[in-house]
Amino acid sequence: MASAQRTIVEDVEHSETFVSAPGLAVMLHAGARAVQSTPLVSSSGKILGIVSTHFAEPHRPDERELQLMDLLARQAADYLQRKQAEESLLRTAQELAHSSRATAWKRTCNRRARRVSSPTSSSR
């Protein structure tokens, strides 16, 4: 799905989308005669995925069905966006923790190197 617009195919057997396409045989074999696909769009407009509903008979979803699908798509997109943000934060926290450990290790090594290279006071 290249655009952020819903696609509705009321009857796959009579649709330009499926004519002479290998997808037609797949749809018919699966028992799907109609399909609607609604994109999952992030708040920034990025397409995160698609949710599709397949129907056993030729069908055009009514306005209520489409409103419910829009609600589901919005909730799914919000969830996906939140999970991506959480994963990004976790990666950043892990990188910072690794960097902090590496910095602490370098400081420890530098302190030890200074102790080893500094002259010791002689005993009297």
PDB file of N, CA and C in Angstrom:
ATOM      1  N   MET A   1       0.863  -1.172   0.000  1.00  0.00           N
ATOM      2  CA  MET A   1       0.000   0.000   0.000  1.00  0.00           C
ATOM      3  C   MET A   1       0.904   1.228   0.000  1.00  0.00           C
ATOM      4  N   ALA A   2       0.896   1.935  -1.085  1.00  0.00           N
ATOM      5  CA  ALA A   2       1.790   3.073  -1.247  1.00  0.00           C
ATOM      6  C   ALA A   2       1.240   4.354  -0.630  1.00  0.00           C
ATOM      7  N   SER A   3      -0.059   4.435  -0.460  1.00  0.00           N
ATOM      8  CA  SER A   3      -0.641   5.655   0.090  1.00  0.00           C
ATOM      9  C   SER A   3      -1.253   5.359   1.458  1.00  0.00           C
ATOM     10  N   ALA A   4      -1.588   6.419   2.133  1.00  0.00           N
ATOM     11  CA  ALA A   4      -2.200   6.275   3.456  1.00  0.00           C
ATOM     12  C   ALA A   4      -3.718   6.255   3.352  1.00  0.00           C
ATOM     13  N   GLN A   5      -4.234   5.756   2.246  1.00  0.00           N
ATOM     14  CA  GLN A   5      -5.676   5.701   2.027  1.00  0.00           C
ATOM     15  C   GLN A   5      -6.179   4.264   2.128  1.00  0.00           C
ATOM     16  N   ARG A   6      -7.371   4.115   2.642  1.00  0.00           N
ATOM     17  CA  ARG A   6      -8.019   2.807   2.713  1.00  0.00           C
ATOM     18  C   ARG A   6      -8.304   2.311   1.297  1.00  0.00           C
ATOM     19  N   THR A   7      -8.202   0.992   1.129  1.00  0.00           N
ATOM     20  CA  THR A   7      -8.555   0.358  -0.140  1.00  0.00           C
ATOM     21  C   THR A   7      -9.688  -0.623   0.122  1.00  0.00           C
ATOM     22  N   ILE A   8     -10.726  -0.539  -0.703  1.00  0.00           N
ATOM     23  CA  ILE A   8     -11.855  -1.468  -0.582  1.00  0.00           C
ATOM     24  C   ILE A   8     -12.037  -2.158  -1.920  1.00  0.00           C
ATOM     25  N   VAL A   9     -12.044  -3.480  -1.891  1.00  0.00           N
ATOM     26  CA  VAL A   9     -12.337  -4.273  -3.080  1.00  0.00           C
ATOM     27  C   VAL A   9     -13.619  -5.040  -2.760  1.00  0.00           C
ATOM     28  N   GLU A  10     -14.721  -4.628  -3.392  1.00  0.00           N
ATOM     29  CA  GLU A  10     -16.026  -5.215  -3.096  1.00  0.00           C
ATOM     30  C   GLU A  10     -16.167  -6.637  -3.608  1.00  0.00           C
ATOM     31  N   ASP A  11     -15.495  -6.954  -4.713  1.00  0.00           N
ATOM     32  CA  ASP A  11     -15.550  -8.313  -5.270  1.00  0.00           C
ATOM     33  C   ASP A  11     -14.234  -8.561  -6.007  1.00  0.00           C
ATOM     34  N   VAL A  12     -13.403  -9.423  -5.444  1.00  0.00           N
ATOM     35  CA  VAL A  12     -12.079  -9.651  -6.029  1.00  0.00           C
ATOM     36  C   VAL A  12     -12.157 -10.205  -7.444  1.00  0.00           C
ATOM     37  N   GLU A  13     -13.222 -10.939  -7.767  1.00  0.00           N
ATOM     38  CA  GLU A  13     -13.349 -11.510  -9.109  1.00  0.00           C
ATOM     39  C   GLU A  13     -13.593 -10.446 -10.176  1.00  0.00           C
ATOM     40  N   HIS A  14     -14.076  -9.279  -9.773  1.00  0.00           N
ATOM     41  CA  HIS A  14     -14.388  -8.218 -10.734  1.00  0.00           C
ATOM     42  C   HIS A  14     -13.574  -6.953 -10.469  1.00  0.00           C
ATOM     43  N   SER A  15     -12.454  -7.092  -9.817  1.00  0.00           N
ATOM     44  CA  SER A  15     -11.646  -5.931  -9.455  1.00  0.00           C
ATOM     45  C   SER A  15     -10.426  -5.802 -10.359  1.00  0.00           C
ATOM     46  N   GLU A  16     -10.144  -4.564 -10.781  1.00  0.00           N
ATOM     47  CA  GLU A  16      -8.937  -4.303 -11.565  1.00  0.00           C
ATOM     48  C   GLU A  16      -7.681  -4.639 -10.766  1.00  0.00           C
ATOM     49  N   THR A  17      -7.762  -4.533  -9.457  1.00  0.00           N
ATOM     50  CA  THR A  17      -6.616  -4.838  -8.599  1.00  0.00           C
ATOM     51  C   THR A  17      -6.198  -6.296  -8.723  1.00  0.00           C
ATOM     52  N   PHE A  18      -7.160  -7.182  -8.883  1.00  0.00           N
ATOM     53  CA  PHE A  18      -6.868  -8.612  -8.889  1.00  0.00           C
ATOM     54  C   PHE A  18      -6.936  -9.280 -10.260  1.00  0.00           C
ATOM     55  N   VAL A  19      -7.397  -8.574 -11.296  1.00  0.00           N
ATOM     56  CA  VAL A  19      -7.505  -9.168 -12.626  1.00  0.00           C
ATOM     57  C   VAL A  19      -6.114  -9.587 -13.101  1.00  0.00           C
ATOM     58  N   SER A  20      -5.998 -10.819 -13.552  1.00  0.00           N
ATOM     59  CA  SER A  20      -4.740 -11.371 -14.073  1.00  0.00           C
ATOM     60  C   SER A  20      -3.600 -11.309 -13.066  1.00  0.00           C
ATOM     61  N   ALA A  21      -3.903 -11.188 -11.802  1.00  0.00           N
ATOM     62  CA  ALA A  21      -2.864 -11.151 -10.772  1.00  0.00           C
ATOM     63  C   ALA A  21      -2.847 -12.484 -10.033  1.00  0.00           C
ATOM     64  N   PRO A  22      -1.667 -12.953  -9.649  1.00  0.00           N
ATOM     65  CA  PRO A  22      -1.604 -14.208  -8.899  1.00  0.00           C
ATOM     66  C   PRO A  22      -2.378 -14.130  -7.580  1.00  0.00           C
ATOM     67  N   GLY A  23      -2.548 -12.917  -7.063  1.00  0.00           N
ATOM     68  CA  GLY A  23      -3.280 -12.735  -5.818  1.00  0.00           C
ATOM     69  C   GLY A  23      -4.727 -13.170  -5.905  1.00  0.00           C
ATOM     70  N   LEU A  24      -5.320 -13.123  -7.080  1.00  0.00           N
ATOM     71  CA  LEU A  24      -6.725 -13.525  -7.239  1.00  0.00           C
ATOM     72  C   LEU A  24      -6.897 -14.989  -6.864  1.00  0.00           C
ATOM     73  N   ALA A  25      -6.041 -15.852  -7.377  1.00  0.00           N
ATOM     74  CA  ALA A  25      -6.137 -17.282  -7.055  1.00  0.00           C
ATOM     75  C   ALA A  25      -5.938 -17.512  -5.561  1.00  0.00           C
ATOM     76  N   VAL A  26      -5.030 -16.771  -4.976  1.00  0.00           N
ATOM     77  CA  VAL A  26      -4.775 -16.907  -3.531  1.00  0.00           C
ATOM     78  C   VAL A  26      -6.014 -16.505  -2.746  1.00  0.00           C
ATOM     79  N   MET A  27      -6.610 -15.360  -3.106  1.00  0.00           N
ATOM     80  CA  MET A  27      -7.802 -14.880  -2.409  1.00  0.00           C
ATOM     81  C   MET A  27      -8.946 -15.874  -2.535  1.00  0.00           C
ATOM     82  N   LEU A  28      -9.189 -16.359  -3.760  1.00  0.00           N
ATOM     83  CA  LEU A  28     -10.293 -17.296  -3.970  1.00  0.00           C
ATOM     84  C   LEU A  28     -10.039 -18.615  -3.253  1.00  0.00           C
ATOM     85  N   HIS A  29      -8.798 -19.079  -3.266  1.00  0.00           N
ATOM     86  CA  HIS A  29      -8.456 -20.323  -2.558  1.00  0.00           C
ATOM     87  C   HIS A  29      -8.692 -20.171  -1.048  1.00  0.00           C
ATOM     88  N   ALA A  30      -8.443 -18.982  -0.531  1.00  0.00           N
ATOM     89  CA  ALA A  30      -8.646 -18.709   0.895  1.00  0.00           C
ATOM     90  C   ALA A  30     -10.114 -18.455   1.216  1.00  0.00           C
ATOM     91  N   GLY A  31     -10.957 -18.377   0.189  1.00  0.00           N
ATOM     92  CA  GLY A  31     -12.381 -18.147   0.415  1.00  0.00           C
ATOM     93  C   GLY A  31     -12.732 -16.683   0.599  1.00  0.00           C
ATOM     94  N   ALA A  32     -11.844 -15.788   0.168  1.00  0.00           N
ATOM     95  CA  ALA A  32     -12.095 -14.352   0.315  1.00  0.00           C
ATOM     96  C   ALA A  32     -12.622 -13.786  -0.998  1.00  0.00           C
ATOM     97  N   ARG A  33     -13.778 -13.170  -0.937  1.00  0.00           N
ATOM     98  CA  ARG A  33     -14.371 -12.550  -2.130  1.00  0.00           C
ATOM     99  C   ARG A  33     -14.304 -11.024  -2.082  1.00  0.00           C
ATOM    100  N   ALA A  34     -14.096 -10.479  -0.898  1.00  0.00           N
ATOM    101  CA  ALA A  34     -13.987  -9.026  -0.755  1.00  0.00           C
ATOM    102  C   ALA A  34     -12.942  -8.735   0.318  1.00  0.00           C
ATOM    103  N   VAL A  35     -12.362  -7.550   0.239  1.00  0.00           N
ATOM    104  CA  VAL A  35     -11.327  -7.178   1.209  1.00  0.00           C
ATOM    105  C   VAL A  35     -11.318  -5.665   1.384  1.00  0.00           C
ATOM    106  N   GLN A  36     -11.020  -5.255   2.587  1.00  0.00           N
ATOM    107  CA  GLN A  36     -10.758  -3.845   2.845  1.00  0.00           C
ATOM    108  C   GLN A  36      -9.416  -3.798   3.563  1.00  0.00           C
ATOM    109  N   SER A  37      -8.587  -2.834   3.213  1.00  0.00           N
ATOM    110  CA  SER A  37      -7.278  -2.656   3.841  1.00  0.00           C
ATOM    111  C   SER A  37      -7.152  -1.224   4.324  1.00  0.00           C
ATOM    112  N   THR A  38      -6.873  -1.074   5.603  1.00  0.00           N
ATOM    113  CA  THR A  38      -6.744   0.240   6.220  1.00  0.00           C
ATOM    114  C   THR A  38      -5.314   0.397   6.716  1.00  0.00           C
ATOM    115  N   PRO A  39      -4.618   1.459   6.295  1.00  0.00           N
ATOM    116  CA  PRO A  39      -3.237   1.646   6.741  1.00  0.00           C
ATOM    117  C   PRO A  39      -3.167   2.061   8.209  1.00  0.00           C
ATOM    118  N   LEU A  40      -2.088   1.652   8.854  1.00  0.00           N
ATOM    119  CA  LEU A  40      -1.791   2.072  10.224  1.00  0.00           C
ATOM    120  C   LEU A  40      -0.789   3.218  10.096  1.00  0.00           C
ATOM    121  N   VAL A  41      -1.242   4.422  10.386  1.00  0.00           N
ATOM    122  CA  VAL A  41      -0.438   5.621  10.146  1.00  0.00           C
ATOM    123  C   VAL A  41      -0.038   6.255  11.473  1.00  0.00           C
ATOM    124  N   SER A  42       1.271   6.544  11.614  1.00  0.00           N
ATOM    125  CA  SER A  42       1.768   7.180  12.835  1.00  0.00           C
ATOM    126  C   SER A  42       1.314   8.631  12.891  1.00  0.00           C
ATOM    127  N   SER A  43       1.523   9.249  14.037  1.00  0.00           N
ATOM    128  CA  SER A  43       1.137  10.655  14.186  1.00  0.00           C
ATOM    129  C   SER A  43       1.951  11.560  13.270  1.00  0.00           C
ATOM    130  N   SER A  44       3.118  11.075  12.808  1.00  0.00           N
ATOM    131  CA  SER A  44       3.938  11.871  11.890  1.00  0.00           C
ATOM    132  C   SER A  44       3.615  11.573  10.431  1.00  0.00           C
ATOM    133  N   GLY A  45       2.667  10.645  10.184  1.00  0.00           N
ATOM    134  CA  GLY A  45       2.254  10.332   8.820  1.00  0.00           C
ATOM    135  C   GLY A  45       2.962   9.135   8.207  1.00  0.00           C
ATOM    136  N   LYS A  46       3.839   8.489   8.953  1.00  0.00           N
ATOM    137  CA  LYS A  46       4.560   7.317   8.447  1.00  0.00           C
ATOM    138  C   LYS A  46       3.635   6.092   8.493  1.00  0.00           C
ATOM    139  N   ILE A  47       3.640   5.307   7.413  1.00  0.00           N
ATOM    140  CA  ILE A  47       2.830   4.085   7.388  1.00  0.00           C
ATOM    141  C   ILE A  47       3.574   2.999   8.157  1.00  0.00           C
ATOM    142  N   LEU A  48       2.939   2.491   9.208  1.00  0.00           N
ATOM    143  CA  LEU A  48       3.541   1.476  10.075  1.00  0.00           C
ATOM    144  C   LEU A  48       3.126   0.062   9.696  1.00  0.00           C
ATOM    145  N   GLY A  49       2.020  -0.054   9.000  1.00  0.00           N
ATOM    146  CA  GLY A  49       1.502  -1.363   8.622  1.00  0.00           C
ATOM    147  C   GLY A  49       0.109  -1.215   8.037  1.00  0.00           C
ATOM    148  N   ILE A  50      -0.544  -2.352   7.895  1.00  0.00           N
ATOM    149  CA  ILE A  50      -1.892  -2.371   7.317  1.00  0.00           C
ATOM    150  C   ILE A  50      -2.707  -3.413   8.070  1.00  0.00           C
ATOM    151  N   VAL A  51      -3.965  -3.118   8.305  1.00  0.00           N
ATOM    152  CA  VAL A  51      -4.896  -4.116   8.834  1.00  0.00           C
ATOM    153  C   VAL A  51      -5.940  -4.364   7.738  1.00  0.00           C
ATOM    154  N   SER A  52      -6.130  -5.636   7.419  1.00  0.00           N
ATOM    155  CA  SER A  52      -7.072  -5.998   6.353  1.00  0.00           C
ATOM    156  C   SER A  52      -8.154  -6.904   6.895  1.00  0.00           C
ATOM    157  N   THR A  53      -9.334  -6.746   6.341  1.00  0.00           N
ATOM    158  CA  THR A  53     -10.461  -7.596   6.676  1.00  0.00           C
ATOM    159  C   THR A  53     -10.923  -8.263   5.388  1.00  0.00           C
ATOM    160  N   HIS A  54     -11.055  -9.582   5.443  1.00  0.00           N
ATOM    161  CA  HIS A  54     -11.493 -10.340   4.265  1.00  0.00           C
ATOM    162  C   HIS A  54     -12.905 -10.864   4.508  1.00  0.00           C
ATOM    163  N   PHE A  55     -13.691 -10.882   3.440  1.00  0.00           N
ATOM    164  CA  PHE A  55     -15.080 -11.298   3.535  1.00  0.00           C
ATOM    165  C   PHE A  55     -15.317 -12.476   2.587  1.00  0.00           C
ATOM    166  N   ALA A  56     -16.143 -13.413   3.013  1.00  0.00           N
ATOM    167  CA  ALA A  56     -16.415 -14.624   2.223  1.00  0.00           C
ATOM    168  C   ALA A  56     -17.332 -14.364   1.029  1.00  0.00           C
ATOM    169  N   GLU A  57     -18.063 -13.271   1.068  1.00  0.00           N
ATOM    170  CA  GLU A  57     -18.983 -12.911  -0.006  1.00  0.00           C
ATOM    171  C   GLU A  57     -18.640 -11.506  -0.498  1.00  0.00           C
ATOM    172  N   PRO A  58     -19.017 -11.155  -1.732  1.00  0.00           N
ATOM    173  CA  PRO A  58     -18.832  -9.764  -2.157  1.00  0.00           C
ATOM    174  C   PRO A  58     -19.478  -8.836  -1.122  1.00  0.00           C
ATOM    175  N   HIS A  59     -18.767  -7.772  -0.774  1.00  0.00           N
ATOM    176  CA  HIS A  59     -19.230  -6.949   0.356  1.00  0.00           C
ATOM    177  C   HIS A  59     -18.590  -5.566   0.269  1.00  0.00           C
ATOM    178  N   ARG A  60     -19.355  -4.568   0.655  1.00  0.00           N
ATOM    179  CA  ARG A  60     -18.813  -3.225   0.855  1.00  0.00           C
ATOM    180  C   ARG A  60     -19.137  -2.846   2.291  1.00  0.00           C
ATOM    181  N   PRO A  61     -18.104  -2.622   3.115  1.00  0.00           N
ATOM    182  CA  PRO A  61     -18.357  -2.257   4.514  1.00  0.00           C
ATOM    183  C   PRO A  61     -19.184  -0.972   4.594  1.00  0.00           C
ATOM    184  N   ASP A  62     -20.118  -0.948   5.547  1.00  0.00           N
ATOM    185  CA  ASP A  62     -20.918   0.269   5.720  1.00  0.00           C
ATOM    186  C   ASP A  62     -20.121   1.277   6.554  1.00  0.00           C
ATOM    187  N   GLU A  63     -20.694   2.441   6.720  1.00  0.00           N
ATOM    188  CA  GLU A  63     -20.002   3.532   7.413  1.00  0.00           C
ATOM    189  C   GLU A  63     -19.614   3.163   8.844  1.00  0.00           C
ATOM    190  N   ARG A  64     -20.484   2.462   9.542  1.00  0.00           N
ATOM    191  CA  ARG A  64     -20.180   2.053  10.930  1.00  0.00           C
ATOM    192  C   ARG A  64     -18.985   1.108  10.960  1.00  0.00           C
ATOM    193  N   GLU A  65     -18.954   0.139  10.067  1.00  0.00           N
ATOM    194  CA  GLU A  65     -17.818  -0.794  10.003  1.00  0.00           C
ATOM    195  C   GLU A  65     -16.512  -0.041   9.721  1.00  0.00           C
ATOM    196  N   LEU A  66     -16.581   0.935   8.829  1.00  0.00           N
ATOM    197  CA  LEU A  66     -15.383   1.699   8.482  1.00  0.00           C
ATOM    198  C   LEU A  66     -14.932   2.579   9.651  1.00  0.00           C
ATOM    199  N   GLN A  67     -15.884   3.144  10.385  1.00  0.00           N
ATOM    200  CA  GLN A  67     -15.527   3.944  11.564  1.00  0.00           C
ATOM    201  C   GLN A  67     -14.855   3.075  12.615  1.00  0.00           C
ATOM    202  N   LEU A  68     -15.386   1.873  12.825  1.00  0.00           N
ATOM    203  CA  LEU A  68     -14.774   0.955  13.787  1.00  0.00           C
ATOM    204  C   LEU A  68     -13.381   0.525  13.325  1.00  0.00           C
ATOM    205  N   MET A  69     -13.226   0.300  12.025  1.00  0.00           N
ATOM    206  CA  MET A  69     -11.916  -0.058  11.494  1.00  0.00           C
ATOM    207  C   MET A  69     -10.934   1.090  11.681  1.00  0.00           C
ATOM    208  N   ASP A  70     -11.398   2.330  11.480  1.00  0.00           N
ATOM    209  CA  ASP A  70     -10.540   3.496  11.697  1.00  0.00           C
ATOM    210  C   ASP A  70     -10.097   3.580  13.158  1.00  0.00           C
ATOM    211  N   LEU A  71     -11.010   3.313  14.068  1.00  0.00           N
ATOM    212  CA  LEU A  71     -10.680   3.332  15.490  1.00  0.00           C
ATOM    213  C   LEU A  71      -9.645   2.259  15.813  1.00  0.00           C
ATOM    214  N   LEU A  72      -9.860   1.057  15.311  1.00  0.00           N
ATOM    215  CA  LEU A  72      -8.908  -0.033  15.518  1.00  0.00           C
ATOM    216  C   LEU A  72      -7.540   0.326  14.929  1.00  0.00           C
ATOM    217  N   ALA A  73      -7.534   0.879  13.723  1.00  0.00           N
ATOM    218  CA  ALA A  73      -6.276   1.242  13.070  1.00  0.00           C
ATOM    219  C   ALA A  73      -5.549   2.322  13.863  1.00  0.00           C
ATOM    220  N   ARG A  74      -6.279   3.306  14.377  1.00  0.00           N
ATOM    221  CA  ARG A  74      -5.654   4.374  15.173  1.00  0.00           C
ATOM    222  C   ARG A  74      -5.025   3.802  16.443  1.00  0.00           C
ATOM    223  N   GLN A  75      -5.759   2.908  17.123  1.00  0.00           N
ATOM    224  CA  GLN A  75      -5.243   2.299  18.346  1.00  0.00           C
ATOM    225  C   GLN A  75      -4.029   1.427  18.054  1.00  0.00           C
ATOM    226  N   ALA A  76      -4.082   0.662  16.982  1.00  0.00           N
ATOM    227  CA  ALA A  76      -2.952  -0.202  16.612  1.00  0.00           C
ATOM    228  C   ALA A  76      -1.734   0.648  16.250  1.00  0.00           C
ATOM    229  N   ALA A  77      -1.922   1.722  15.501  1.00  0.00           N
ATOM    230  CA  ALA A  77      -0.808   2.603  15.130  1.00  0.00           C
ATOM    231  C   ALA A  77      -0.207   3.260  16.364  1.00  0.00           C
ATOM    232  N   ASP A  78      -1.052   3.709  17.291  1.00  0.00           N
ATOM    233  CA  ASP A  78      -0.554   4.306  18.535  1.00  0.00           C
ATOM    234  C   ASP A  78       0.269   3.294  19.320  1.00  0.00           C
ATOM    235  N   TYR A  79      -0.225   2.059  19.403  1.00  0.00           N
ATOM    236  CA  TYR A  79       0.496   1.006  20.124  1.00  0.00           C
ATOM    237  C   TYR A  79       1.860   0.739  19.472  1.00  0.00           C
ATOM    238  N   LEU A  80       1.866   0.591  18.142  1.00  0.00           N
ATOM    239  CA  LEU A  80       3.120   0.329  17.431  1.00  0.00           C
ATOM    240  C   LEU A  80       4.106   1.479  17.611  1.00  0.00           C
ATOM    241  N   GLN A  81       3.613   2.687  17.525  1.00  0.00           N
ATOM    242  CA  GLN A  81       4.466   3.857  17.692  1.00  0.00           C
ATOM    243  C   GLN A  81       5.048   3.901  19.107  1.00  0.00           C
ATOM    244  N   ARG A  82       4.223   3.598  20.114  1.00  0.00           N
ATOM    245  CA  ARG A  82       4.697   3.584  21.497  1.00  0.00           C
ATOM    246  C   ARG A  82       5.750   2.495  21.697  1.00  0.00           C
ATOM    247  N   LYS A  83       5.506   1.292  21.127  1.00  0.00           N
ATOM    248  CA  LYS A  83       6.475   0.195  21.256  1.00  0.00           C
ATOM    249  C   LYS A  83       7.799   0.558  20.588  1.00  0.00           C
ATOM    250  N   GLN A  84       7.744   1.217  19.426  1.00  0.00           N
ATOM    251  CA  GLN A  84       8.973   1.629  18.751  1.00  0.00           C
ATOM    252  C   GLN A  84       9.737   2.646  19.602  1.00  0.00           C
ATOM    253  N   ALA A  85       9.023   3.573  20.220  1.00  0.00           N
ATOM    254  CA  ALA A  85       9.660   4.575  21.077  1.00  0.00           C
ATOM    255  C   ALA A  85      10.280   3.910  22.300  1.00  0.00           C
ATOM    256  N   GLU A  86       9.562   2.941  22.910  1.00  0.00           N
ATOM    257  CA  GLU A  86      10.101   2.225  24.067  1.00  0.00           C
ATOM    258  C   GLU A  86      11.361   1.458  23.700  1.00  0.00           C
ATOM    259  N   GLU A  87      11.355   0.790  22.546  1.00  0.00           N
ATOM    260  CA  GLU A  87      12.532   0.037  22.105  1.00  0.00           C
ATOM    261  C   GLU A  87      13.705   0.969  21.842  1.00  0.00           C
ATOM    262  N   SER A  88      13.424   2.130  21.267  1.00  0.00           N
ATOM    263  CA  SER A  88      14.481   3.108  21.015  1.00  0.00           C
ATOM    264  C   SER A  88      15.074   3.619  22.329  1.00  0.00           C
ATOM    265  N   LEU A  89      14.215   3.907  23.296  1.00  0.00           N
ATOM    266  CA  LEU A  89      14.693   4.359  24.607  1.00  0.00           C
ATOM    267  C   LEU A  89      15.521   3.278  25.289  1.00  0.00           C
ATOM    268  N   LEU A  90      15.101   2.041  25.195  1.00  0.00           N
ATOM    269  CA  LEU A  90      15.840   0.935  25.803  1.00  0.00           C
ATOM    270  C   LEU A  90      17.220   0.809  25.163  1.00  0.00           C
ATOM    271  N   ARG A  91      17.284   0.870  23.827  1.00  0.00           N
ATOM    272  CA  ARG A  91      18.584   0.802  23.137  1.00  0.00           C
ATOM    273  C   ARG A  91      19.490   1.943  23.577  1.00  0.00           C
ATOM    274  N   THR A  92      18.932   3.150  23.677  1.00  0.00           N
ATOM    275  CA  THR A  92      19.722   4.307  24.097  1.00  0.00           C
ATOM    276  C   THR A  92      20.220   4.127  25.520  1.00  0.00           C
ATOM    277  N   ALA A  93      19.364   3.634  26.407  1.00  0.00           N
ATOM    278  CA  ALA A  93      19.766   3.408  27.795  1.00  0.00           C
ATOM    279  C   ALA A  93      20.877   2.361  27.867  1.00  0.00           C
ATOM    280  N   GLN A  94      20.775   1.311  27.067  1.00  0.00           N
ATOM    281  CA  GLN A  94      21.814   0.277  27.049  1.00  0.00           C
ATOM    282  C   GLN A  94      23.131   0.839  26.522  1.00  0.00           C
ATOM    283  N   GLU A  95      23.049   1.658  25.470  1.00  0.00           N
ATOM    284  CA  GLU A  95      24.260   2.276  24.923  1.00  0.00           C
ATOM    285  C   GLU A  95      24.903   3.204  25.947  1.00  0.00           C
ATOM    286  N   LEU A  96      24.085   3.976  26.656  1.00  0.00           N
ATOM    287  CA  LEU A  96      24.616   4.874  27.685  1.00  0.00           C
ATOM    288  C   LEU A  96      25.247   4.095  28.825  1.00  0.00           C
ATOM    289  N   ALA A  97      24.601   3.009  29.233  1.00  0.00           N
ATOM    290  CA  ALA A  97      25.151   2.188  30.312  1.00  0.00           C
ATOM    291  C   ALA A  97      26.486   1.601  29.884  1.00  0.00           C
ATOM    292  N   HIS A  98      26.565   1.112  28.661  1.00  0.00           N
ATOM    293  CA  HIS A  98      27.815   0.563  28.143  1.00  0.00           C
ATOM    294  C   HIS A  98      28.888   1.646  28.091  1.00  0.00           C
ATOM    295  N   SER A  99      28.506   2.826  27.594  1.00  0.00           N
ATOM    296  CA  SER A  99      29.437   3.947  27.498  1.00  0.00           C
ATOM    297  C   SER A  99      29.916   4.365  28.884  1.00  0.00           C
ATOM    298  N   SER A 100      29.009   4.400  29.851  1.00  0.00           N
ATOM    299  CA  SER A 100      29.376   4.773  31.221  1.00  0.00           C
ATOM    300  C   SER A 100      30.349   3.766  31.817  1.00  0.00           C
ATOM    301  N   ARG A 101      30.078   2.476  31.587  1.00  0.00           N
ATOM    302  CA  ARG A 101      30.997   1.446  32.096  1.00  0.00           C
ATOM    303  C   ARG A 101      32.367   1.573  31.444  1.00  0.00           C
ATOM    304  N   ALA A 102      32.375   1.841  30.132  1.00  0.00           N
ATOM    305  CA  ALA A 102      33.649   1.984  29.416  1.00  0.00           C
ATOM    306  C   ALA A 102      34.409   3.199  29.933  1.00  0.00           C
ATOM    307  N   THR A 103      33.705   4.296  30.172  1.00  0.00           N
ATOM    308  CA  THR A 103      34.341   5.505  30.694  1.00  0.00           C
ATOM    309  C   THR A 103      34.899   5.251  32.090  1.00  0.00           C
ATOM    310  N   ALA A 104      34.129   4.587  32.924  1.00  0.00           N
ATOM    311  CA  ALA A 104      34.598   4.274  34.284  1.00  0.00           C
ATOM    312  C   ALA A 104      35.826   3.371  34.218  1.00  0.00           C
ATOM    313  N   TRP A 105      35.825   2.405  33.328  1.00  0.00           N
ATOM    314  CA  TRP A 105      36.962   1.493  33.182  1.00  0.00           C
ATOM    315  C   TRP A 105      38.205   2.262  32.726  1.00  0.00           C
ATOM    316  N   LYS A 106      38.038   3.195  31.790  1.00  0.00           N
ATOM    317  CA  LYS A 106      39.166   4.006  31.324  1.00  0.00           C
ATOM    318  C   LYS A 106      39.738   4.844  32.463  1.00  0.00           C
ATOM    319  N   ARG A 107      38.867   5.431  33.279  1.00  0.00           N
ATOM    320  CA  ARG A 107      39.333   6.237  34.414  1.00  0.00           C
ATOM    321  C   ARG A 107      40.128   5.368  35.384  1.00  0.00           C
ATOM    322  N   THR A 108      39.606   4.179  35.658  1.00  0.00           N
ATOM    323  CA  THR A 108      40.300   3.266  36.577  1.00  0.00           C
ATOM    324  C   THR A 108      41.680   2.911  36.024  1.00  0.00           C
ATOM    325  N   CYS A 109      41.744   2.583  34.751  1.00  0.00           N
ATOM    326  CA  CYS A 109      43.021   2.234  34.122  1.00  0.00           C
ATOM    327  C   CYS A 109      43.987   3.414  34.161  1.00  0.00           C
ATOM    328  N   ASN A 110      43.480   4.610  33.871  1.00  0.00           N
ATOM    329  CA  ASN A 110      44.330   5.800  33.897  1.00  0.00           C
ATOM    330  C   ASN A 110      44.878   6.066  35.300  1.00  0.00           C
ATOM    331  N   ARG A 111      44.032   5.922  36.332  1.00  0.00           N
ATOM    332  CA  ARG A 111      44.492   6.119  37.714  1.00  0.00           C
ATOM    333  C   ARG A 111      45.582   5.112  38.057  1.00  0.00           C
ATOM    334  N   ARG A 112      45.377   3.864  37.682  1.00  0.00           N
ATOM    335  CA  ARG A 112      46.368   2.824  37.976  1.00  0.00           C
ATOM    336  C   ARG A 112      47.660   3.078  37.207  1.00  0.00           C
ATOM    337  N   ALA A 113      47.526   3.522  35.978  1.00  0.00           N
ATOM    338  CA  ALA A 113      48.719   3.804  35.179  1.00  0.00           C
ATOM    339  C   ALA A 113      49.502   4.954  35.790  1.00  0.00           C
ATOM    340  N   ARG A 114      48.805   5.974  36.300  1.00  0.00           N
ATOM    341  CA  ARG A 114      49.503   7.096  36.936  1.00  0.00           C
ATOM    342  C   ARG A 114      50.223   6.639  38.197  1.00  0.00           C
ATOM    343  N   ARG A 115      49.574   5.751  38.971  1.00  0.00           N
ATOM    344  CA  ARG A 115      50.195   5.250  40.199  1.00  0.00           C
ATOM    345  C   ARG A 115      51.460   4.459  39.878  1.00  0.00           C
ATOM    346  N   VAL A 116      51.367   3.654  38.843  1.00  0.00           N
ATOM    347  CA  VAL A 116      52.512   2.818  38.474  1.00  0.00           C
ATOM    348  C   VAL A 116      53.655   3.690  37.950  1.00  0.00           C
ATOM    349  N   SER A 117      53.331   4.720  37.184  1.00  0.00           N
ATOM    350  CA  SER A 117      54.391   5.536  36.571  1.00  0.00           C
ATOM    351  C   SER A 117      54.906   6.639  37.499  1.00  0.00           C
ATOM    352  N   SER A 118      54.198   6.964  38.576  1.00  0.00           N
ATOM    353  CA  SER A 118      54.658   8.021  39.473  1.00  0.00           C
ATOM    354  C   SER A 118      55.716   7.455  40.418  1.00  0.00           C
ATOM    355  N   PRO A 119      56.756   8.276  40.746  1.00  0.00           N
ATOM    356  CA  PRO A 119      57.808   7.794  41.655  1.00  0.00           C
ATOM    357  C   PRO A 119      57.238   7.558  43.040  1.00  0.00           C
ATOM    358  N   THR A 120      57.698   6.525  43.652  1.00  0.00           N
ATOM    359  CA  THR A 120      57.267   6.228  45.021  1.00  0.00           C
ATOM    360  C   THR A 120      58.237   6.876  45.989  1.00  0.00           C
ATOM    361  N   SER A 121      57.745   7.221  47.114  1.00  0.00           N
ATOM    362  CA  SER A 121      58.629   7.829  48.113  1.00  0.00           C
ATOM    363  C   SER A 121      59.468   6.734  48.746  1.00  0.00           C
ATOM    364  N   SER A 122      60.699   7.037  48.959  1.00  0.00           N
ATOM    365  CA  SER A 122      61.617   6.039  49.524  1.00  0.00           C
ATOM    366  C   SER A 122      61.429   5.951  51.019  1.00  0.00           C
ATOM    367  N   SER A 123      61.653   4.776  51.540  1.00  0.00           N
ATOM    368  CA  SER A 123      61.517   4.590  52.989  1.00  0.00           C
ATOM    369  C   SER A 123      62.814   4.969  53.666  1.00  0.00           C
ATOM    370  N   ARG A 124      62.715   5.532  54.832  1.00  0.00           N
ATOM    371  CA  ARG A 124      63.888   5.964  55.588  1.00  0.00           C
ATOM    372  C   ARG A 124      64.149   5.081  56.704  1.00  0.00           C
TER     373      ARG A 124
END
